[in-house]
C-alpha atoms as a PDB file:
ATOM      1  CA  MET A   1      13.743  -6.063 -23.881  1.00  0.00           C
ATOM      2  CA  SER A   2      13.360  -2.780 -21.878  1.00  0.00           C
ATOM      3  CA  VAL A   3      12.079  -3.091 -18.181  1.00  0.00           C
ATOM      4  CA  LEU A   4       9.115  -1.031 -19.640  1.00  0.00           C
ATOM      5  CA  ARG A   5       8.227  -3.378 -22.137  1.00  0.00           C
ATOM      6  CA  GLU A   6       8.806  -6.291 -20.154  1.00  0.00           C
ATOM      7  CA  LEU A   7       5.935  -4.931 -17.725  1.00  0.00           C
ATOM      8  CA  LEU A   8       3.723  -4.245 -20.408  1.00  0.00           C
ATOM      9  CA  ASN A   9       3.991  -7.964 -21.642  1.00  0.00           C
ATOM     10  CA  VAL A  10       2.789  -8.946 -18.291  1.00  0.00           C
ATOM     11  CA  TYR A  11       0.243  -5.920 -17.524  1.00  0.00           C
ATOM     12  CA  TRP A  12      -0.587  -5.232 -20.974  1.00  0.00           C
ATOM     13  CA  LEU A  13      -4.669  -4.929 -19.981  1.00  0.00           C
ATOM     14  CA  ARG A  14      -3.228  -2.391 -16.963  1.00  0.00           C
ATOM     15  CA  PRO A  15      -0.815  -0.421 -19.008  1.00  0.00           C
ATOM     16  CA  GLU A  16      -0.597   2.112 -16.080  1.00  0.00           C
ATOM     17  CA  THR A  17       0.929  -0.327 -13.916  1.00  0.00           C
ATOM     18  CA  ALA A  18       3.580  -1.099 -16.001  1.00  0.00           C
ATOM     19  CA  LEU A  19       4.271   2.464 -16.104  1.00  0.00           C
ATOM     20  CA  TRP A  20       3.953   2.966 -12.448  1.00  0.00           C
ATOM     21  CA  ARG A  21       6.190  -0.324 -11.743  1.00  0.00           C
ATOM     22  CA  ALA A  22       9.085   0.649 -14.385  1.00  0.00           C
ATOM     23  CA  ILE A  23       9.585   3.759 -12.576  1.00  0.00           C
ATOM     24  CA  ASP A  24       9.635   1.927  -9.231  1.00  0.00           C
ATOM     25  CA  ILE A  25      12.368  -0.470 -10.530  1.00  0.00           C
ATOM     26  CA  GLU A  26      14.455   2.388 -12.408  1.00  0.00           C
ATOM     27  CA  THR A  27      14.316   4.410  -8.989  1.00  0.00           C
ATOM     28  CA  MET A  28      15.614   1.271  -6.946  1.00  0.00           C
ATOM     29  CA  LYS A  29      17.903   0.246  -9.733  1.00  0.00           C
ATOM     30  CA  ASP A  30      21.176   0.791  -7.258  1.00  0.00           C
ATOM     31  CA  PHE A  31      19.647  -1.407  -4.263  1.00  0.00           C
ATOM     32  CA  GLU A  32      21.362  -4.786  -3.754  1.00  0.00           C
ATOM     33  CA  VAL A  33      19.596  -7.881  -2.815  1.00  0.00           C
ATOM     34  CA  GLU A  34      22.524  -9.899  -1.191  1.00  0.00           C
ATOM     35  CA  GLY A  35      22.881 -12.107   1.813  1.00  0.00           C
ATOM     36  CA  ASN A  36      20.072 -13.472   3.295  1.00  0.00           C
ATOM     37  CA  SER A  37      17.005 -11.795   1.950  1.00  0.00           C
ATOM     38  CA  LEU A  38      13.274 -11.075   2.432  1.00  0.00           C
ATOM     39  CA  ASP A  39      10.512  -9.842  -0.208  1.00  0.00           C
ATOM     40  CA  LEU A  40       8.218  -8.517   2.502  1.00  0.00           C
ATOM     41  CA  GLY A  41       4.640  -8.620   0.942  1.00  0.00           C
ATOM     42  CA  CYS A  42       5.868 -10.288  -2.219  1.00  0.00           C
ATOM     43  CA  GLY A  43       2.299 -10.886  -3.636  1.00  0.00           C
ATOM     44  CA  ASP A  44       2.754 -13.164  -6.765  1.00  0.00           C
ATOM     45  CA  GLY A  45       6.405 -12.181  -7.157  1.00  0.00           C
ATOM     46  CA  VAL A  46       6.033 -10.880 -10.657  1.00  0.00           C
ATOM     47  CA  LEU A  47       7.527  -7.274  -9.984  1.00  0.00           C
ATOM     48  CA  SER A  48      10.517  -8.493  -8.019  1.00  0.00           C
ATOM     49  CA  PHE A  49      11.075 -11.266 -10.562  1.00  0.00           C
ATOM     50  CA  ILE A  50      11.323  -8.603 -13.481  1.00  0.00           C
ATOM     51  CA  ARG A  51      13.025  -6.191 -10.989  1.00  0.00           C
ATOM     52  CA  GLY A  52      15.835  -8.888 -10.662  1.00  0.00           C
ATOM     53  CA  GLY A  53      16.299  -9.193 -14.443  1.00  0.00           C
ATOM     54  CA  GLY A  54      14.031 -12.142 -15.010  1.00  0.00           C
ATOM     55  CA  LYS A  55      12.061 -12.018 -18.073  1.00  0.00           C
ATOM     56  CA  PHE A  56       8.537 -13.917 -19.499  1.00  0.00           C
ATOM     57  CA  ASP A  57       8.027 -15.329 -22.784  1.00  0.00           C
ATOM     58  CA  THR A  58       5.658 -13.037 -24.903  1.00  0.00           C
ATOM     59  CA  SER A  59       2.735 -15.635 -24.179  1.00  0.00           C
ATOM     60  CA  PHE A  60       2.360 -14.669 -20.290  1.00  0.00           C
ATOM     61  CA  ASP A  61       0.308 -12.244 -18.675  1.00  0.00           C
ATOM     62  CA  ASP A  62      -0.518 -11.603 -15.312  1.00  0.00           C
ATOM     63  CA  TYR A  63      -4.324 -12.464 -15.959  1.00  0.00           C
ATOM     64  CA  GLN A  64      -3.670 -16.337 -16.572  1.00  0.00           C
ATOM     65  CA  SER A  65      -5.152 -17.284 -12.866  1.00  0.00           C
ATOM     66  CA  ILE A  66      -7.981 -14.697 -11.972  1.00  0.00           C
ATOM     67  CA  GLY A  67     -11.352 -14.804 -10.339  1.00  0.00           C
ATOM     68  CA  ASN A  68     -14.319 -13.362  -8.785  1.00  0.00           C
ATOM     69  CA  LEU A  69     -14.449 -10.714 -11.667  1.00  0.00           C
ATOM     70  CA  ASP A  70     -18.228 -10.344 -10.576  1.00  0.00           C
ATOM     71  CA  LYS A  71     -16.885  -8.684  -7.562  1.00  0.00           C
ATOM     72  CA  PHE A  72     -14.207  -6.397  -9.205  1.00  0.00           C
ATOM     73  CA  TYR A  73     -16.238  -3.187  -8.342  1.00  0.00           C
ATOM     74  CA  ASP A  74     -16.785  -4.354  -4.935  1.00  0.00           C
ATOM     75  CA  ASN A  75     -12.966  -3.879  -4.420  1.00  0.00           C
ATOM     76  CA  HIS A  76     -12.521  -7.571  -4.379  1.00  0.00           C
ATOM     77  CA  ASP A  77      -8.822  -8.429  -5.165  1.00  0.00           C
ATOM     78  CA  VAL A  78      -9.254 -10.274  -8.424  1.00  0.00           C
ATOM     79  CA  HIS A  79      -5.705 -11.622  -8.542  1.00  0.00           C
ATOM     80  CA  ASP A  80      -6.082 -13.639  -5.043  1.00  0.00           C
ATOM     81  CA  THR A  81      -6.915 -16.585  -7.201  1.00  0.00           C
ATOM     82  CA  PHE A  82      -4.930 -19.660  -7.762  1.00  0.00           C
ATOM     83  CA  ILE A  83      -5.923 -21.915 -10.471  1.00  0.00           C
ATOM     84  CA  GLU A  84      -4.234 -25.254 -10.786  1.00  0.00           C
ATOM     85  CA  GLY A  85      -1.799 -25.641 -13.802  1.00  0.00           C
ATOM     86  CA  TYR A  86      -1.040 -21.855 -13.495  1.00  0.00           C
ATOM     87  CA  LEU A  87       2.905 -22.105 -14.709  1.00  0.00           C
ATOM     88  CA  PRO A  88       4.384 -18.990 -16.121  1.00  0.00           C
ATOM     89  CA  LYS A  89       6.516 -19.410 -19.084  1.00  0.00           C
ATOM     90  CA  ILE A  90       9.865 -17.872 -18.524  1.00  0.00           C
ATOM     91  CA  SER A  91      12.548 -16.864 -20.894  1.00  0.00           C
ATOM     92  CA  LYS A  92      15.172 -15.637 -18.765  1.00  0.00           C
ATOM     93  CA  LYS A  93      15.878 -16.016 -15.297  1.00  0.00           C
ATOM     94  CA  PRO A  94      16.629 -13.477 -12.517  1.00  0.00           C
ATOM     95  CA  ASP A  95      20.153 -12.660 -11.796  1.00  0.00           C
ATOM     96  CA  TYR A  96      19.544 -13.457  -7.982  1.00  0.00           C
ATOM     97  CA  MET A  97      17.102 -14.946  -5.970  1.00  0.00           C
ATOM     98  CA  PHE A  98      15.325 -14.097  -2.730  1.00  0.00           C
ATOM     99  CA  SER A  99      15.746 -16.370   0.188  1.00  0.00           C
ATOM    100  CA  THR A 100      12.169 -15.675   1.701  1.00  0.00           C
ATOM    101  CA  ALA A 101       8.833 -14.675   0.355  1.00  0.00           C
ATOM    102  CA  LEU A 102       6.442 -13.371   3.059  1.00  0.00           C
ATOM    103  CA  ASP A 103       2.476 -12.666   2.175  1.00  0.00           C
ATOM    104  CA  GLN A 104      -0.912 -12.892   3.872  1.00  0.00           C
ATOM    105  CA  LYS A 105      -2.461 -14.333   0.726  1.00  0.00           C
ATOM    106  CA  ASN A 106      -1.916 -18.170   0.147  1.00  0.00           C
ATOM    107  CA  ASN A 107      -3.261 -17.756  -3.444  1.00  0.00           C
ATOM    108  CA  LEU A 108      -0.281 -15.082  -4.253  1.00  0.00           C
ATOM    109  CA  LEU A 109       2.204 -17.223  -2.479  1.00  0.00           C
ATOM    110  CA  GLN A 110       1.371 -20.260  -4.526  1.00  0.00           C
ATOM    111  CA  LYS A 111       1.767 -17.982  -7.810  1.00  0.00           C
ATOM    112  CA  SER A 112       4.785 -17.001  -6.530  1.00  0.00           C
ATOM    113  CA  LYS A 113       6.272 -20.601  -5.864  1.00  0.00           C
ATOM    114  CA  THR A 114       6.080 -21.112  -9.742  1.00  0.00           C
ATOM    115  CA  LEU A 115       8.961 -18.459 -10.323  1.00  0.00           C
ATOM    116  CA  GLY A 116      11.751 -20.296  -8.958  1.00  0.00           C
ATOM    117  CA  PHE A 117      12.685 -17.071  -7.513  1.00  0.00           C
ATOM    118  CA  TYR A 118      12.659 -17.871  -4.021  1.00  0.00           C
ATOM    119  CA  ASN A 119      13.669 -20.595  -1.591  1.00  0.00           C
ATOM    120  CA  ASP A 120      11.233 -20.246   1.349  1.00  0.00           C
ATOM    121  CA  PHE A 121       7.674 -19.324   1.655  1.00  0.00           C
ATOM    122  CA  ILE A 122       5.915 -17.618   4.515  1.00  0.00           C
ATOM    123  CA  LEU A 123       2.335 -16.966   4.953  1.00  0.00           C
ATOM    124  CA  HIS A 124       1.968 -14.414   7.530  1.00  0.00           C
ATOM    125  CA  ASP A 125      -0.033 -11.392   8.346  1.00  0.00           C
ATOM    126  CA  ALA A 126       2.684  -8.661   8.441  1.00  0.00           C
ATOM    127  CA  ASN A 127       0.320  -6.590  10.711  1.00  0.00           C
ATOM    128  CA  LYS A 128       1.823  -9.004  13.178  1.00  0.00           C
ATOM    129  CA  LYS A 129       5.307  -9.728  14.461  1.00  0.00           C
ATOM    130  CA  MET A 130       7.305 -11.560  12.089  1.00  0.00           C
ATOM    131  CA  PRO A 131       8.350 -15.324  12.443  1.00  0.00           C
ATOM    132  CA  PHE A 132      11.787 -14.642  12.577  1.00  0.00           C
ATOM    133  CA  GLN A 133      14.706 -14.084  14.906  1.00  0.00           C
ATOM    134  CA  GLU A 134      16.304 -10.702  15.696  1.00  0.00           C
ATOM    135  CA  ASN A 135      19.260  -9.960  12.791  1.00  0.00           C
ATOM    136  CA  SER A 136      17.872 -12.874  10.362  1.00  0.00           C
ATOM    137  CA  TYR A 137      17.994 -10.545   6.960  1.00  0.00           C
ATOM    138  CA  ASP A 138      20.775  -8.883   5.313  1.00  0.00           C
ATOM    139  CA  SER A 139      18.363  -7.443   2.751  1.00  0.00           C
ATOM    140  CA  ILE A 140      14.861  -6.638   2.905  1.00  0.00           C
ATOM    141  CA  PHE A 141      12.331  -5.016   0.107  1.00  0.00           C
ATOM    142  CA  SER A 142       9.025  -4.081   0.752  1.00  0.00           C
ATOM    143  CA  ASN A 143       6.190  -1.804  -0.863  1.00  0.00           C
ATOM    144  CA  ILE A 144       3.518  -2.585   1.328  1.00  0.00           C
ATOM    145  CA  VAL A 145       4.275  -0.932   4.704  1.00  0.00           C
ATOM    146  CA  TYR A 146       1.548   1.732   4.074  1.00  0.00           C
ATOM    147  CA  TRP A 147      -0.977  -0.814   3.441  1.00  0.00           C
ATOM    148  CA  LEU A 148      -0.352  -2.026   7.137  1.00  0.00           C
ATOM    149  CA  ASP A 149      -2.052  -0.716  10.221  1.00  0.00           C
ATOM    150  CA  GLU A 150       0.689   0.752  12.082  1.00  0.00           C
ATOM    151  CA  PRO A 151       3.636   1.865   9.800  1.00  0.00           C
ATOM    152  CA  GLN A 152       5.920   2.667  13.089  1.00  0.00           C
ATOM    153  CA  LYS A 153       5.087  -1.117  14.365  1.00  0.00           C
ATOM    154  CA  SER A 154       6.053  -2.384  10.832  1.00  0.00           C
ATOM    155  CA  ILE A 155       9.015  -0.514  10.521  1.00  0.00           C
ATOM    156  CA  ASN A 156      10.295  -1.690  14.064  1.00  0.00           C
ATOM    157  CA  GLU A 157       9.574  -4.841  12.880  1.00  0.00           C
ATOM    158  CA  ILE A 158      11.672  -4.458   9.892  1.00  0.00           C
ATOM    159  CA  SER A 159      14.424  -3.202  11.936  1.00  0.00           C
ATOM    160  CA  ARG A 160      14.347  -6.083  14.392  1.00  0.00           C
ATOM    161  CA  VAL A 161      14.703  -8.905  11.683  1.00  0.00           C
ATOM    162  CA  LEU A 162      17.473  -6.748   9.864  1.00  0.00           C
ATOM    163  CA  ASN A 163      21.215  -7.625  10.507  1.00  0.00           C
ATOM    164  CA  ARG A 164      23.207  -4.752  11.891  1.00  0.00           C
ATOM    165  CA  GLY A 165      24.709  -3.224   8.793  1.00  0.00           C
ATOM    166  CA  GLY A 166      21.726  -4.738   6.424  1.00  0.00           C
ATOM    167  CA  GLN A 167      19.563  -2.528   4.288  1.00  0.00           C
ATOM    168  CA  ALA A 168      15.993  -2.343   3.755  1.00  0.00           C
ATOM    169  CA  ALA A 169      14.651  -0.955   0.619  1.00  0.00           C
ATOM    170  CA  LEU A 170      10.745   0.754   1.147  1.00  0.00           C
ATOM    171  CA  MET A 171       8.494   2.477  -0.942  1.00  0.00           C
ATOM    172  CA  LEU A 172       6.366   4.801   1.210  1.00  0.00           C
ATOM    173  CA  PRO A 173       3.586   7.107  -0.041  1.00  0.00           C
ATOM    174  CA  ASN A 174       4.243  11.263   0.437  1.00  0.00           C
ATOM    175  CA  SER A 175       1.604  13.521   1.998  1.00  0.00           C
ATOM    176  CA  SER A 176       1.087  14.749  -1.491  1.00  0.00           C
ATOM    177  CA  MET A 177      -0.319  11.557  -2.631  1.00  0.00           C
ATOM    178  CA  PRO A 178      -4.193  12.173  -1.509  1.00  0.00           C
ATOM    179  CA  ASP A 179      -4.223  15.454  -3.598  1.00  0.00           C
ATOM    180  CA  PHE A 180      -3.428  13.260  -6.702  1.00  0.00           C
ATOM    181  CA  SER A 181      -6.518  11.252  -6.124  1.00  0.00           C
ATOM    182  CA  PHE A 182      -9.430  12.397  -8.109  1.00  0.00           C
ATOM    183  CA  PHE A 183     -11.697  10.515  -5.661  1.00  0.00           C
ATOM    184  CA  ASN A 184     -10.511  12.337  -2.786  1.00  0.00           C
ATOM    185  CA  GLN A 185     -10.201  15.529  -4.499  1.00  0.00           C
ATOM    186  CA  LEU A 186     -13.654  15.883  -5.970  1.00  0.00           C
ATOM    187  CA  HIS A 187     -15.736  13.677  -3.722  1.00  0.00           C
ATOM    188  CA  ILE A 188     -14.124  12.996   0.022  1.00  0.00           C
ATOM    189  CA  LYS A 189     -12.214  16.272   0.453  1.00  0.00           C
ATOM    190  CA  ASN A 190     -15.457  18.488  -0.351  1.00  0.00           C
ATOM    191  CA  GLN A 191     -17.959  15.911   0.657  1.00  0.00           C
ATOM    192  CA  ASN A 192     -19.577  16.399  -2.565  1.00  0.00           C
ATOM    193  CA  LYS A 193     -22.097  13.834  -3.788  1.00  0.00           C
ATOM    194  CA  ASP A 194     -21.929  14.393  -7.372  1.00  0.00           C
ATOM    195  CA  TYR A 195     -18.272  12.805  -7.875  1.00  0.00           C
ATOM    196  CA  GLU A 196     -19.160   9.793  -5.648  1.00  0.00           C
ATOM    197  CA  PHE A 197     -19.294   7.739  -8.780  1.00  0.00           C
ATOM    198  CA  LEU A 198     -15.237   8.193  -8.769  1.00  0.00           C
ATOM    199  CA  LYS A 199     -15.207   5.420  -6.411  1.00  0.00           C
ATOM    200  CA  TYR A 200     -15.613   2.908  -9.419  1.00  0.00           C
ATOM    201  CA  LEU A 201     -11.774   4.555  -9.992  1.00  0.00           C
ATOM    202  CA  ASP A 202     -10.573   4.312  -6.356  1.00  0.00           C
ATOM    203  CA  ARG A 203     -12.030   1.004  -5.542  1.00  0.00           C
ATOM    204  CA  GLY A 204     -10.932   1.520  -2.102  1.00  0.00           C
ATOM    205  CA  ARG A 205      -7.748   2.682  -2.180  1.00  0.00           C
ATOM    206  CA  TYR A 206      -7.846   5.738  -0.495  1.00  0.00           C
ATOM    207  CA  SER A 207      -9.625   4.393   2.619  1.00  0.00           C
ATOM    208  CA  SER A 208      -6.922   1.523   2.599  1.00  0.00           C
ATOM    209  CA  ASN A 209      -3.846   3.182   1.830  1.00  0.00           C
ATOM    210  CA  ILE A 210      -3.653   6.807   0.544  1.00  0.00           C
ATOM    211  CA  LYS A 211      -4.739   8.043   3.891  1.00  0.00           C
ATOM    212  CA  THR A 212      -0.996   6.664   5.263  1.00  0.00           C
ATOM    213  CA  SER A 213       0.575   8.995   3.375  1.00  0.00           C
ATOM    214  CA  LYS A 214       3.124  11.088   5.239  1.00  0.00           C
ATOM    215  CA  SER A 215       5.878  13.705   4.595  1.00  0.00           C
ATOM    216  CA  TYR A 216       9.365  13.235   4.760  1.00  0.00           C
ATOM    217  CA  GLU A 217       9.794  14.350   8.077  1.00  0.00           C
ATOM    218  CA  GLU A 218       6.867  12.235   9.334  1.00  0.00           C
ATOM    219  CA  TRP A 219       8.476   9.086   7.637  1.00  0.00           C
ATOM    220  CA  LYS A 220      11.843  10.311   8.826  1.00  0.00           C
ATOM    221  CA  ASN A 221      10.594  10.389  12.396  1.00  0.00           C
ATOM    222  CA  ILE A 222       9.158   7.079  12.205  1.00  0.00           C
ATOM    223  CA  ILE A 223      12.539   5.772  10.714  1.00  0.00           C
ATOM    224  CA  SER A 224      14.526   7.213  13.451  1.00  0.00           C
ATOM    225  CA  LYS A 225      12.596   5.947  16.212  1.00  0.00           C
ATOM    226  CA  SER A 226      12.778   2.284  14.898  1.00  0.00           C
ATOM    227  CA  GLY A 227      16.699   2.230  14.931  1.00  0.00           C
ATOM    228  CA  LEU A 228      17.250   2.589  11.207  1.00  0.00           C
ATOM    229  CA  LYS A 229      19.109   5.407   9.698  1.00  0.00           C
ATOM    230  CA  ILE A 230      18.506   6.961   6.137  1.00  0.00           C
ATOM    231  CA  VAL A 231      21.109   6.090   3.357  1.00  0.00           C
ATOM    232  CA  THR A 232      19.361   7.160   0.302  1.00  0.00           C
ATOM    233  CA  HIS A 233      16.070   9.217  -0.219  1.00  0.00           C
ATOM    234  CA  LYS A 234      14.621   9.760  -3.502  1.00  0.00           C
ATOM    235  CA  MET A 235      11.219  10.934  -4.535  1.00  0.00           C
ATOM    236  CA  HIS A 236       9.296   9.685  -7.502  1.00  0.00           C
ATOM    237  CA  LEU A 237       5.918   9.668  -9.223  1.00  0.00           C
ATOM    238  CA  SER A 238       4.716  12.934 -10.545  1.00  0.00           C
ATOM    239  CA  LYS A 239       1.350  14.052 -10.219  1.00  0.00           C
ATOM    240  CA  THR A 240       0.923  13.238 -14.115  1.00  0.00           C
ATOM    241  CA  VAL A 241       1.831  10.054 -13.580  1.00  0.00           C
ATOM    242  CA  ILE A 242      -0.270   9.214 -10.756  1.00  0.00           C
ATOM    243  CA  GLN A 243      -3.230  10.646 -12.309  1.00  0.00           C
ATOM    244  CA  ILE A 244      -2.613   8.520 -15.499  1.00  0.00           C
ATOM    245  CA  TRP A 245      -2.754   5.347 -13.102  1.00  0.00           C
ATOM    246  CA  ASP A 246      -5.745   6.888 -11.399  1.00  0.00           C
ATOM    247  CA  VAL A 247      -7.853   6.646 -14.309  1.00  0.00           C
ATOM    248  CA  GLY A 248      -5.973   4.142 -16.469  1.00  0.00           C
ATOM    249  CA  LEU A 249      -7.921   1.032 -17.904  1.00  0.00           C
ATOM    250  CA  ARG A 250      -8.704   0.122 -14.315  1.00  0.00           C
ATOM    251  CA  PRO A 251     -12.783   0.582 -15.246  1.00  0.00           C
ATOM    252  CA  LEU A 252     -12.428  -1.598 -18.168  1.00  0.00           C
ATOM    253  CA  PHE A 253     -10.201  -4.617 -16.774  1.00  0.00           C
ATOM    254  CA  PRO A 254     -13.311  -6.934 -16.317  1.00  0.00           C
ATOM    255  CA  VAL A 255     -14.617  -6.379 -19.682  1.00  0.00           C
ATOM    256  CA  LEU A 256     -11.159  -6.234 -21.372  1.00  0.00           C
ATOM    257  CA  LEU A 257     -10.362  -9.668 -19.563  1.00  0.00           C
ATOM    258  CA  LYS A 258     -13.432 -11.282 -21.099  1.00  0.00           C
ATOM    259  CA  LEU A 259     -12.809  -9.872 -24.562  1.00  0.00           C
ATOM    260  CA  VAL A 260      -9.333 -11.454 -24.398  1.00  0.00           C
ATOM    261  CA  ASN A 261     -10.861 -14.806 -22.970  1.00  0.00           C
ATOM    262  CA  ALA A 262     -13.168 -14.918 -25.822  1.00  0.00           C
ATOM    263  CA  VAL A 263     -10.491 -14.844 -28.402  1.00  0.00           C
ATOM    264  CA  GLU A 264     -10.175 -18.573 -29.210  1.00  0.00           C
ATOM    265  CA  ASP A 265      -7.292 -18.146 -31.989  1.00  0.00           C
ATOM    266  CA  LYS A 266      -4.390 -17.754 -29.690  1.00  0.00           C
ATOM    267  CA  GLU A 267      -1.999 -16.781 -32.651  1.00  0.00           C
ATOM    268  CA  LYS A 268      -4.493 -14.037 -33.641  1.00  0.00           C
ATOM    269  CA  LEU A 269      -4.419 -13.128 -29.938  1.00  0.00           C
ATOM    270  CA  GLN A 270      -0.778 -12.631 -29.647  1.00  0.00           C
ATOM    271  CA  GLU A 271      -0.803 -10.313 -32.450  1.00  0.00           C
ATOM    272  CA  ILE A 272      -3.518  -8.148 -31.103  1.00  0.00           C
ATOM    273  CA  LYS A 273      -1.353  -8.201 -27.906  1.00  0.00           C
ATOM    274  CA  ASN A 274       1.785  -7.074 -29.612  1.00  0.00           C
ATOM    275  CA  GLU A 275       0.286  -4.518 -31.384  1.00  0.00           C
ATOM    276  CA  TRP A 276      -1.278  -2.984 -28.353  1.00  0.00           C
ATOM    277  CA  ILE A 277       2.226  -3.293 -26.518  1.00  0.00           C
ATOM    278  CA  GLU A 278       3.428  -1.297 -29.426  1.00  0.00           C
ATOM    279  CA  ILE A 279       0.902   1.385 -29.238  1.00  0.00           C
ATOM    280  CA  PHE A 280       1.326   1.707 -25.488  1.00  0.00           C
ATOM    281  CA  MET A 281       5.273   1.985 -25.707  1.00  0.00           C
ATOM    282  CA  LYS A 282       4.604   5.100 -28.093  1.00  0.00           C
ATOM    283  CA  LEU A 283       2.864   6.791 -25.210  1.00  0.00           C
ATOM    284  CA  LEU A 284       4.390   5.452 -22.093  1.00  0.00           C
ATOM    285  CA  GLU A 285       7.940   5.440 -23.068  1.00  0.00           C
ATOM    286  CA  PRO A 286       8.367   9.377 -23.578  1.00  0.00           C
ATOM    287  CA  LEU A 287       6.418   9.705 -20.066  1.00  0.00           C
ATOM    288  CA  PHE A 288       8.613   7.496 -18.527  1.00  0.00           C
ATOM    289  CA  ASP A 289      11.593   9.336 -19.690  1.00  0.00           C
ATOM    290  CA  LEU A 290      10.398  12.753 -18.682  1.00  0.00           C
ATOM    291  CA  GLU A 291       9.703  11.122 -15.495  1.00  0.00           C
ATOM    292  CA  MET A 292      12.956   9.868 -14.876  1.00  0.00           C
ATOM    293  CA  GLN A 293      14.640  13.224 -16.029  1.00  0.00           C
ATOM    294  CA  ASN A 294      12.470  15.187 -13.342  1.00  0.00           C
ATOM    295  CA  LYS A 295      10.536  17.195 -16.211  1.00  0.00           C
ATOM    296  CA  LEU A 296       6.759  16.570 -14.962  1.00  0.00           C
ATOM    297  CA  ASN A 297       5.210  18.885 -12.688  1.00  0.00           C
ATOM    298  CA  GLN A 298       8.627  20.232 -11.500  1.00  0.00           C
ATOM    299  CA  ASN A 299       6.665  22.775  -8.875  1.00  0.00           C
ATOM    300  CA  GLU A 300       5.049  20.119  -7.045  1.00  0.00           C
ATOM    301  CA  GLU A 301       6.123  17.051  -4.583  1.00  0.00           C
ATOM    302  CA  LYS A 302       6.143  13.555  -5.988  1.00  0.00           C
ATOM    303  CA  ALA A 303       3.729  10.866  -4.422  1.00  0.00           C
ATOM    304  CA  PHE A 304       6.227   8.377  -3.387  1.00  0.00           C
ATOM    305  CA  HIS A 305       9.449   8.112  -1.151  1.00  0.00           C
ATOM    306  CA  TYR A 306      11.849   5.711  -1.872  1.00  0.00           C
ATOM    307  CA  PHE A 307      13.988   5.044   1.480  1.00  0.00           C
ATOM    308  CA  VAL A 308      17.355   2.763   1.573  1.00  0.00           C
ATOM    309  CA  LEU A 309      17.473   2.304   5.369  1.00  0.00           C
ATOM    310  CA  GLU A 310      20.326   0.736   7.231  1.00  0.00           C
ATOM    311  CA  LYS A 311      20.263  -0.668  11.038  1.00  0.00           C
ATOM    312  CA  ARG A 312      22.619   0.894  13.257  1.00  0.00           C
END
């Protein structure tokens, strides 16, 4: 099963998320998780699990422990729920394990514990100093730095806990990212109240992370001040991909999940899911290929930076 198909199996009601994550994984395919390793902001662990070569049974998806759907349009994280009995059915274990999983949401950490993919679990707000000694980790992965309050402080902390010669892989938004947001372009930027309804697409993303977007030179300056050096830099996620993700099936998610839960015949539901995945593979696989061949929006900077950083 290809990575895109594996991700569609898990995120089938949010196929735009599967496309984004498949591009993330392909972009960072050469990064090695080795030695004492930290997944900083692991969430439920599913992304890193799949990135590590793990696979789930087709009966599993990311919606088996969801709550507060009635607060979805109030920007509530409906995944921040742990239902007793949640146990992903794994068909293949990953090729490696992370030493440590760190996240600020206990429910997500509880989910990550079910994967058998992490040795230790740390409940901690990454806006604060991490509870690790200097030079503790050989490899670190994180795609949450731009969610944090002070990027310089956060990258300084990554540098502090990273061993000399150790490497960190980070996903960081480019300054072009806000321009790819319909909410920002049509409502925020022009203060046009006619487009205020786009808040139901945005769901707080502009205020919480898109505004942290920075150019390569700005990120480079922050990285340099932290004592890290850039080993690898790539840009990924074109305007086309981001705008597909920006709309996607996000507004329909609560009602789609209700429809799924209303199907009592599990064999019939699996048939529907399989057909759904095949349809989206036909749509998303060509887009994935075009993105990785750099054939989409060639005249515009992409939305995200991928950095591999090494401690000096």
